[in-house]
């Protein structure tokens, strides 16, 4: 069993790919740093998307395989993501003062180019 205090995203880079909702078909790279912040940007587009400014994130462990990660982005949206490490599925809730959207998708460590 993983430690209840273990932060599974700290120091990691993850790709979140959404299958539905307003971000359907888009992938975002999230870099979670050792200091407890995250920066993110869209990947796979026609032009390079610069990373966001780092923002603080929070996490909570639900059970051995499921974690919740949340942060407030610069555009005023909070993204709360439920990450299921057993299946690689994610459910995200993007919310601001006037809207709430549920999105589903998957997350993974980005593949490194062959050397």
C-alpha atoms as a PDB file:
ATOM      1  CA  UNK A   1       0.000   0.000   0.000  1.00  0.00           C
ATOM      2  CA  UNK A   2       1.249   3.495  -0.823  1.00  0.00           C
ATOM      3  CA  UNK A   3       1.783   5.915   2.017  1.00  0.00           C
ATOM      4  CA  UNK A   4      -1.222   8.143   2.682  1.00  0.00           C
ATOM      5  CA  UNK A   5       1.246  11.066   2.698  1.00  0.00           C
ATOM      6  CA  UNK A   6       2.898  10.175  -0.634  1.00  0.00           C
ATOM      7  CA  UNK A   7       2.362  12.695  -3.408  1.00  0.00           C
ATOM      8  CA  UNK A   8       2.348  10.602  -6.609  1.00  0.00           C
ATOM      9  CA  UNK A   9       2.723  13.575  -8.980  1.00  0.00           C
ATOM     10  CA  UNK A  10       5.512  15.530  -7.248  1.00  0.00           C
ATOM     11  CA  UNK A  11       8.552  15.716  -9.510  1.00  0.00           C
ATOM     12  CA  UNK A  12       6.674  14.089 -12.407  1.00  0.00           C
ATOM     13  CA  UNK A  13       5.514  15.143 -15.865  1.00  0.00           C
ATOM     14  CA  UNK A  14       2.096  13.828 -16.940  1.00  0.00           C
ATOM     15  CA  UNK A  15       0.050  14.217 -20.104  1.00  0.00           C
ATOM     16  CA  UNK A  16      -3.698  14.701 -19.604  1.00  0.00           C
ATOM     17  CA  UNK A  17      -5.665  13.832 -22.769  1.00  0.00           C
ATOM     18  CA  UNK A  18      -9.376  14.640 -22.786  1.00  0.00           C
ATOM     19  CA  UNK A  19     -11.904  12.515 -24.675  1.00  0.00           C
ATOM     20  CA  UNK A  20     -14.949  14.741 -24.186  1.00  0.00           C
ATOM     21  CA  UNK A  21     -15.980  18.208 -23.026  1.00  0.00           C
ATOM     22  CA  UNK A  22     -14.587  21.496 -24.333  1.00  0.00           C
ATOM     23  CA  UNK A  23     -11.017  20.117 -24.420  1.00  0.00           C
ATOM     24  CA  UNK A  24     -11.937  16.912 -26.309  1.00  0.00           C
ATOM     25  CA  UNK A  25      -9.022  15.622 -28.355  1.00  0.00           C
ATOM     26  CA  UNK A  26      -6.489  17.905 -26.677  1.00  0.00           C
ATOM     27  CA  UNK A  27      -3.471  16.895 -24.618  1.00  0.00           C
ATOM     28  CA  UNK A  28      -1.914  19.054 -21.908  1.00  0.00           C
ATOM     29  CA  UNK A  29       1.486  18.472 -20.383  1.00  0.00           C
ATOM     30  CA  UNK A  30       1.582  19.018 -16.619  1.00  0.00           C
ATOM     31  CA  UNK A  31       4.952  19.412 -14.880  1.00  0.00           C
ATOM     32  CA  UNK A  32       4.626  18.900 -11.150  1.00  0.00           C
ATOM     33  CA  UNK A  33       7.740  20.199  -9.417  1.00  0.00           C
ATOM     34  CA  UNK A  34       9.371  19.254  -6.149  1.00  0.00           C
ATOM     35  CA  UNK A  35       8.317  22.584  -4.621  1.00  0.00           C
ATOM     36  CA  UNK A  36       4.581  21.742  -4.888  1.00  0.00           C
ATOM     37  CA  UNK A  37       3.778  23.763  -8.010  1.00  0.00           C
ATOM     38  CA  UNK A  38       2.555  22.783 -11.459  1.00  0.00           C
ATOM     39  CA  UNK A  39       2.925  24.393 -14.872  1.00  0.00           C
ATOM     40  CA  UNK A  40       1.049  23.178 -17.934  1.00  0.00           C
ATOM     41  CA  UNK A  41       0.639  23.741 -21.643  1.00  0.00           C
ATOM     42  CA  UNK A  42      -1.121  22.225 -24.639  1.00  0.00           C
ATOM     43  CA  UNK A  43       0.936  19.796 -26.701  1.00  0.00           C
ATOM     44  CA  UNK A  44       0.517  18.516 -30.224  1.00  0.00           C
ATOM     45  CA  UNK A  45      -0.740  21.755 -31.737  1.00  0.00           C
ATOM     46  CA  UNK A  46       0.466  23.638 -34.784  1.00  0.00           C
ATOM     47  CA  UNK A  47       2.611  25.985 -32.713  1.00  0.00           C
ATOM     48  CA  UNK A  48       4.550  25.658 -29.506  1.00  0.00           C
ATOM     49  CA  UNK A  49       2.430  26.592 -26.525  1.00  0.00           C
ATOM     50  CA  UNK A  50       4.546  28.119 -23.728  1.00  0.00           C
ATOM     51  CA  UNK A  51       4.096  26.658 -20.246  1.00  0.00           C
ATOM     52  CA  UNK A  52       1.889  28.501 -17.790  1.00  0.00           C
ATOM     53  CA  UNK A  53       3.378  30.264 -14.810  1.00  0.00           C
ATOM     54  CA  UNK A  54       3.787  27.775 -11.961  1.00  0.00           C
ATOM     55  CA  UNK A  55       0.847  27.614  -9.554  1.00  0.00           C
ATOM     56  CA  UNK A  56       0.427  25.714  -6.302  1.00  0.00           C
ATOM     57  CA  UNK A  57      -1.463  22.433  -6.466  1.00  0.00           C
ATOM     58  CA  UNK A  58      -3.137  20.314  -3.808  1.00  0.00           C
ATOM     59  CA  UNK A  59      -3.621  16.561  -3.783  1.00  0.00           C
ATOM     60  CA  UNK A  60      -5.474  13.959  -1.758  1.00  0.00           C
ATOM     61  CA  UNK A  61      -5.272  10.175  -1.744  1.00  0.00           C
ATOM     62  CA  UNK A  62      -8.641   8.382  -1.980  1.00  0.00           C
ATOM     63  CA  UNK A  63      -7.318   4.809  -1.895  1.00  0.00           C
ATOM     64  CA  UNK A  64      -4.272   2.856  -3.098  1.00  0.00           C
ATOM     65  CA  UNK A  65      -4.872   3.771  -6.759  1.00  0.00           C
ATOM     66  CA  UNK A  66      -6.984   6.928  -6.844  1.00  0.00           C
ATOM     67  CA  UNK A  67      -5.781  10.467  -6.181  1.00  0.00           C
ATOM     68  CA  UNK A  68      -7.296  13.913  -6.606  1.00  0.00           C
ATOM     69  CA  UNK A  69      -5.153  16.828  -7.816  1.00  0.00           C
ATOM     70  CA  UNK A  70      -6.428  20.421  -8.017  1.00  0.00           C
ATOM     71  CA  UNK A  71      -5.032  23.807  -8.990  1.00  0.00           C
ATOM     72  CA  UNK A  72      -6.270  27.275  -9.907  1.00  0.00           C
ATOM     73  CA  UNK A  73      -5.057  28.307 -13.363  1.00  0.00           C
ATOM     74  CA  UNK A  74      -4.234  31.824 -14.536  1.00  0.00           C
ATOM     75  CA  UNK A  75      -7.443  32.027 -16.604  1.00  0.00           C
ATOM     76  CA  UNK A  76      -9.485  31.758 -13.391  1.00  0.00           C
ATOM     77  CA  UNK A  77     -10.494  28.101 -13.767  1.00  0.00           C
ATOM     78  CA  UNK A  78      -9.863  25.486 -11.123  1.00  0.00           C
ATOM     79  CA  UNK A  79      -9.079  22.069 -12.571  1.00  0.00           C
ATOM     80  CA  UNK A  80      -9.810  19.238 -10.174  1.00  0.00           C
ATOM     81  CA  UNK A  81      -8.680  15.890 -11.599  1.00  0.00           C
ATOM     82  CA  UNK A  82      -9.384  12.415 -10.282  1.00  0.00           C
ATOM     83  CA  UNK A  83      -6.491  10.180 -11.387  1.00  0.00           C
ATOM     84  CA  UNK A  84      -6.960   6.401 -11.350  1.00  0.00           C
ATOM     85  CA  UNK A  85      -3.469   4.898 -11.421  1.00  0.00           C
ATOM     86  CA  UNK A  86      -4.864   1.354 -11.876  1.00  0.00           C
ATOM     87  CA  UNK A  87      -6.541   2.236 -15.187  1.00  0.00           C
ATOM     88  CA  UNK A  88      -4.878   5.480 -16.346  1.00  0.00           C
ATOM     89  CA  UNK A  89      -8.277   7.171 -16.532  1.00  0.00           C
ATOM     90  CA  UNK A  90      -8.965  10.695 -15.363  1.00  0.00           C
ATOM     91  CA  UNK A  91     -12.107  12.643 -14.641  1.00  0.00           C
ATOM     92  CA  UNK A  92     -11.650  16.395 -14.571  1.00  0.00           C
ATOM     93  CA  UNK A  93     -13.866  19.165 -13.262  1.00  0.00           C
ATOM     94  CA  UNK A  94     -13.110  22.624 -14.629  1.00  0.00           C
ATOM     95  CA  UNK A  95     -14.897  25.375 -12.750  1.00  0.00           C
ATOM     96  CA  UNK A  96     -14.933  29.123 -12.290  1.00  0.00           C
ATOM     97  CA  UNK A  97     -17.409  31.609 -10.817  1.00  0.00           C
ATOM     98  CA  UNK A  98     -19.998  30.967 -13.541  1.00  0.00           C
ATOM     99  CA  UNK A  99     -19.498  27.461 -14.954  1.00  0.00           C
ATOM    100  CA  UNK A 100     -18.695  23.859 -14.146  1.00  0.00           C
ATOM    101  CA  UNK A 101     -17.705  21.292 -16.786  1.00  0.00           C
ATOM    102  CA  UNK A 102     -16.960  17.587 -16.375  1.00  0.00           C
ATOM    103  CA  UNK A 103     -14.423  16.011 -18.732  1.00  0.00           C
ATOM    104  CA  UNK A 104     -13.125  12.464 -19.081  1.00  0.00           C
ATOM    105  CA  UNK A 105      -9.890  11.166 -20.488  1.00  0.00           C
ATOM    106  CA  UNK A 106      -6.637   9.539 -19.594  1.00  0.00           C
ATOM    107  CA  UNK A 107      -3.239  10.425 -18.183  1.00  0.00           C
ATOM    108  CA  UNK A 108       0.218   9.006 -18.732  1.00  0.00           C
ATOM    109  CA  UNK A 109       3.896   9.773 -18.480  1.00  0.00           C
ATOM    110  CA  UNK A 110       4.952  11.220 -21.854  1.00  0.00           C
ATOM    111  CA  UNK A 111       6.943   8.908 -24.090  1.00  0.00           C
ATOM    112  CA  UNK A 112      10.554   9.891 -24.435  1.00  0.00           C
ATOM    113  CA  UNK A 113      12.026  10.064 -27.934  1.00  0.00           C
ATOM    114  CA  UNK A 114      14.333   7.202 -28.858  1.00  0.00           C
ATOM    115  CA  UNK A 115      18.011   8.057 -28.496  1.00  0.00           C
END
